[in-house]
Each structure stands twice: as structure tokens, then as C-alpha cells.
Protein backbone atom coordinates (compact mmCIF):
# COMPACT_ATOMS: atom_id res chain seq x y z
CA UNK A 1 -13.73 -83.49 95.15
CA UNK A 2 -15.60 -85.48 92.47
CA UNK A 3 -17.53 -82.39 91.37
CA UNK A 4 -14.28 -80.41 91.22
CA UNK A 5 -12.67 -83.14 89.16
CA UNK A 6 -15.62 -83.05 86.77
CA UNK A 7 -15.11 -79.31 86.31
CA UNK A 8 -11.43 -79.72 85.49
CA UNK A 9 -12.19 -82.66 83.17
CA UNK A 10 -14.38 -80.29 81.19
CA UNK A 11 -11.95 -77.37 81.00
CA UNK A 12 -8.32 -78.60 81.04
CA UNK A 13 -6.30 -81.29 79.20
CA UNK A 14 -6.94 -84.78 80.54
CA UNK A 15 -3.40 -85.37 81.81
CA UNK A 16 -3.47 -82.18 83.89
CA UNK A 17 -6.74 -82.85 85.74
CA UNK A 18 -5.19 -84.64 88.73
CA UNK A 19 -2.54 -81.93 89.17
CA UNK A 20 -5.13 -79.14 89.07
CA UNK A 21 -7.23 -80.96 91.67
CA UNK A 22 -4.17 -81.33 93.91
CA UNK A 23 -3.43 -77.61 93.69
CA UNK A 24 -6.99 -76.75 94.63
CA UNK A 25 -7.03 -79.26 97.48
CA UNK A 26 -3.63 -78.19 98.84
CA UNK A 27 -4.19 -74.42 98.78
CA UNK A 28 -7.90 -74.57 99.62
CA UNK A 29 -9.04 -71.60 97.54
CA UNK A 30 -12.52 -70.93 96.19
CA UNK A 31 -12.66 -71.69 92.48
CA UNK A 32 -15.26 -70.15 90.16
CA UNK A 33 -15.94 -70.33 86.44
CA UNK A 34 -17.08 -66.99 85.01
CA UNK A 35 -18.70 -65.81 81.79
CA UNK A 36 -16.35 -64.26 79.25
CA UNK A 37 -14.79 -60.97 80.38
CA UNK A 38 -13.28 -58.58 77.84
CA UNK A 39 -10.66 -57.23 80.22
CA UNK A 40 -9.24 -60.45 81.69
CA UNK A 41 -9.03 -64.21 81.27
CA UNK A 42 -8.98 -64.89 85.00
CA UNK A 43 -8.13 -63.35 88.34
CA UNK A 44 -7.00 -63.99 91.91
CA UNK A 45 -8.35 -62.17 94.95
CA UNK A 46 -7.79 -62.31 98.68
CA UNK A 47 -10.55 -61.05 100.97
CA UNK A 48 -9.03 -60.00 104.34
CA UNK A 49 -12.40 -59.97 106.11
CA UNK A 50 -13.08 -63.65 105.41
CA UNK A 51 -9.42 -64.65 104.86
CA UNK A 52 -10.59 -66.34 101.70
CA UNK A 53 -8.62 -66.81 98.47
CA UNK A 54 -10.67 -66.85 95.25
CA UNK A 55 -9.61 -67.72 91.71
CA UNK A 56 -11.91 -67.17 88.74
CA UNK A 57 -11.37 -68.26 85.12
CA UNK A 58 -13.41 -67.41 82.02
CA UNK A 59 -15.58 -70.23 80.67
CA UNK A 60 -14.86 -69.57 76.98
CA UNK A 61 -11.14 -70.43 76.97
CA UNK A 62 -9.83 -73.46 75.12
CA UNK A 63 -8.37 -76.17 77.36
CA UNK A 64 -4.75 -75.06 76.97
CA UNK A 65 -5.48 -71.36 77.59
CA UNK A 66 -7.63 -72.32 80.57
CA UNK A 67 -4.81 -74.37 82.13
CA UNK A 68 -2.19 -71.64 81.58
CA UNK A 69 -4.52 -69.02 83.08
CA UNK A 70 -5.35 -71.26 86.05
CA UNK A 71 -1.67 -71.83 86.84
CA UNK A 72 -1.01 -68.09 86.41
CA UNK A 73 -3.59 -67.28 89.07
CA UNK A 74 -2.42 -70.03 91.46
CA UNK A 75 1.05 -68.44 91.22
CA UNK A 76 -0.49 -65.18 92.44
CA UNK A 77 -1.93 -67.01 95.45
CA UNK A 78 1.41 -68.67 96.27
CA UNK A 79 3.20 -65.33 95.95
CA UNK A 80 0.66 -63.59 98.17
CA UNK A 81 0.94 -66.31 100.83
CA UNK A 82 4.72 -65.90 100.92
CA UNK A 83 5.09 -62.14 100.56
CA UNK A 84 1.70 -60.52 101.16
CA UNK A 85 1.34 -57.24 99.29
CA UNK A 86 5.09 -56.56 99.40
CA UNK A 87 5.70 -58.42 96.13
CA UNK A 88 4.90 -56.70 92.82
CA UNK A 89 1.86 -58.28 91.09
CA UNK A 90 3.99 -59.69 88.26
CA UNK A 91 7.43 -59.26 89.79
CA UNK A 92 10.27 -61.75 90.09
CA UNK A 93 8.62 -63.66 92.95
CA UNK A 94 5.52 -64.27 90.85
CA UNK A 95 7.60 -65.23 87.79
CA UNK A 96 9.55 -67.78 89.83
CA UNK A 97 6.36 -69.25 91.32
CA UNK A 98 4.61 -69.40 87.95
CA UNK A 99 7.52 -71.36 86.45
CA UNK A 100 7.65 -73.69 89.46
CA UNK A 101 3.90 -74.38 89.44
CA UNK A 102 3.75 -74.90 85.67
CA UNK A 103 6.79 -77.20 85.41
CA UNK A 104 4.96 -80.47 86.31
CA UNK A 105 2.65 -80.08 83.28
CA UNK A 106 5.16 -78.70 80.77
CA UNK A 107 5.32 -81.84 78.67
CA UNK A 108 3.79 -83.25 75.47
CA UNK A 109 1.32 -85.44 77.36
CA UNK A 110 -0.46 -82.20 78.31
CA UNK A 111 0.36 -79.64 75.60
CA UNK A 112 0.73 -80.08 71.81
CA UNK A 113 4.29 -79.52 70.58
CA UNK A 114 3.70 -75.98 69.19
CA UNK A 115 2.13 -74.83 72.47
CA UNK A 116 4.85 -76.49 74.54
CA UNK A 117 7.58 -74.75 72.53
CA UNK A 118 5.85 -71.36 72.88
CA UNK A 119 5.37 -71.92 76.62
CA UNK A 120 9.01 -72.95 77.11
CA UNK A 121 10.12 -69.70 75.48
CA UNK A 122 7.51 -67.69 77.39
CA UNK A 123 8.74 -69.02 80.74
CA UNK A 124 12.20 -67.62 80.12
CA UNK A 125 10.62 -64.31 81.17
CA UNK A 126 6.85 -64.59 81.85
CA UNK A 127 4.70 -61.56 81.08
CA UNK A 128 1.68 -60.34 83.04
CA UNK A 129 -0.62 -62.38 80.80
CA UNK A 130 -0.27 -64.94 78.02
CA UNK A 131 -1.87 -62.40 75.65
CA UNK A 132 1.10 -60.08 76.32
CA UNK A 133 3.29 -62.55 74.43
CA UNK A 134 2.16 -62.44 70.76
CA UNK A 135 3.76 -65.78 69.85
CA UNK A 136 2.21 -67.70 72.75
CA UNK A 137 -1.12 -65.91 72.31
CA UNK A 138 -1.36 -66.77 68.61
CA UNK A 139 -0.40 -70.41 69.19
CA UNK A 140 -3.05 -70.77 71.92
CA UNK A 141 -5.69 -69.06 69.77
CA UNK A 142 -5.31 -71.74 67.09
CA UNK A 143 -7.08 -74.14 69.43
CA UNK A 144 -10.14 -71.92 69.88
CA UNK A 145 -13.47 -72.89 68.34
CA UNK A 146 -14.93 -71.26 65.22
CA UNK A 147 -15.33 -67.48 65.48
CA UNK A 148 -15.84 -64.41 63.32
CA UNK A 149 -13.07 -62.73 65.27
CA UNK A 150 -9.52 -62.49 63.94
CA UNK A 151 -6.35 -60.88 65.34
CA UNK A 152 -5.79 -57.25 64.34
CA UNK A 153 -2.57 -58.38 62.64
CA UNK A 154 -4.74 -59.99 59.93
CA UNK A 155 -6.51 -56.70 59.13
CA UNK A 156 -4.84 -54.85 56.21
CA UNK A 157 -3.86 -51.20 56.69
CA UNK A 158 -6.68 -48.94 55.49
CA UNK A 159 -9.44 -51.41 56.35
CA UNK A 160 -12.11 -50.97 59.01
CA UNK A 161 -12.89 -53.33 61.88
CA UNK A 162 -15.07 -53.58 64.96
CA UNK A 163 -13.50 -53.81 68.42
CA UNK A 164 -15.31 -53.47 71.75
CA UNK A 165 -18.48 -52.33 69.94
CA UNK A 166 -16.70 -49.46 68.16
CA UNK A 167 -15.58 -49.13 64.54
CA UNK A 168 -11.93 -48.34 63.82
CA UNK A 169 -9.75 -47.92 60.75
CA UNK A 170 -6.26 -49.40 60.78
CA UNK A 171 -3.83 -46.62 59.86
CA UNK A 172 -0.33 -47.89 60.49
CA UNK A 173 1.33 -51.03 61.85
CA UNK A 174 3.94 -50.60 64.59
CA UNK A 175 5.97 -53.44 66.16
CA UNK A 176 3.38 -55.16 68.35
CA UNK A 177 0.55 -52.62 68.04
CA UNK A 178 -1.23 -50.70 65.30
CA UNK A 179 -2.23 -47.05 65.14
CA UNK A 180 -5.99 -47.02 64.60
CA UNK A 181 -8.62 -44.31 64.30
CA UNK A 182 -12.00 -44.63 65.98
CA UNK A 183 -14.20 -43.54 63.09
CA UNK A 184 -16.94 -41.80 65.03
CA UNK A 185 -14.68 -39.52 67.11
CA UNK A 186 -11.61 -39.52 64.82
CA UNK A 187 -9.49 -40.21 67.92
CA UNK A 188 -6.40 -42.33 67.45
CA UNK A 189 -5.39 -45.30 69.57
CA UNK A 190 -2.62 -47.88 69.68
CA UNK A 191 -4.23 -51.32 69.72
CA UNK A 192 -2.41 -54.62 70.25
CA UNK A 193 -1.86 -56.67 67.10
CA UNK A 194 -3.22 -59.74 68.90
CA UNK A 195 -6.53 -58.05 69.84
CA UNK A 196 -9.50 -60.05 68.51
CA UNK A 197 -11.50 -57.91 66.08
CA UNK A 198 -14.14 -58.32 63.37
CA UNK A 199 -13.35 -57.23 59.82
CA UNK A 200 -15.95 -54.91 58.31
CA UNK A 201 -16.38 -55.81 54.66
CA UNK A 202 -16.55 -52.93 52.16
């Protein structure tokens, strides 16, 4: 328990440590910290053979993103325990559980006011991931450490950028995504405006 507490003390806001420890102790899942993954911030898995629940979270998240992602994955576990595979991955059952699990820490002793406001609005209809909500995503990103990466929304139309080790040119901004051309193949893709990219200087 002490080692688990030390892990949470490192990764989540101080006033949420005890609650996170209680969730882990109550549900008894395996908890792992992983290196950064491009495709996800965290995940939940159930292994039928061992009857073991496992939650993993990326190690490069700021403390507020880490906590939101952790609670997101615990909600998957709770939903699976109650409904098995009958419930949709991010259906109403999961949304209800996510709200319920997050409620005890939705206060200013845990989250700064801008994050709390964004979370309150987000929980009116939670998306599959915090990065699916541009407002919440951008508020959470403000608490990240220094980085050369910026959201695609900051790249002017006509400029080139690097994303997932490929070079693109931003052609046209849509509502929440931009039409971009991968320069090597000339193929066009819609990329989320909140995607973290690196500007290529002329």
C-alpha cells in the first residue's frame, strides 16, 4: 500500500492520492505505469484466463491528465463488472460510472479552476477520451512541461508540420479538424486540431 501511495503521490494531485488508493484497494486491479504511447493515454483490460483486471496509464501525463485518465479507466472496470461485454465501451453505462467515480474529486482542492470548469462541462456528456473534447484537452495541456510540440490549431494554413514522423502541409481548417496533405505521398488526411505537432520553419 505504501509503495502504491508513493506512485500516486508522484503522478496525481496531492488531495486525490487517498481516493486513488482506495479505488485501487477496493477493486483490486493490477496498476501499471507505461512509457508514452501515441495512440492512447491509458487503457483497461480484463484477462478471462487469469480473471485479472489491469489498468495502465502513460508516464508522461501531467498530474491532472493522469488523474482524469485513471478515473476514466476505473469507470471501464466498474462497467465491465456490472455488465460484462454487453455494455458499449463508451456507452451510457460507462458515462454514468465515469461521472460517479469522478465526483468525489471534482473540486478546487484537486483541480485548478479552469480545469474544474472544463471538466464540469465535459461531464455533461463525456466523450471516449479527454482529447476528444477540444476545450478540456487544451486546458489540460496548459499544465504540461516544456515541449516543442504545439496543437495543430496553432499552425497557420499553408505551413508545414511534422506529425507521427511524417511531414504534412495544412491546407484548410474545418470545425474540429484540418485537411492536411502528407507531402511525400500527396495524400490528404483530416487531422484533429488538438493533435500535437511540430512546426517546420521555412
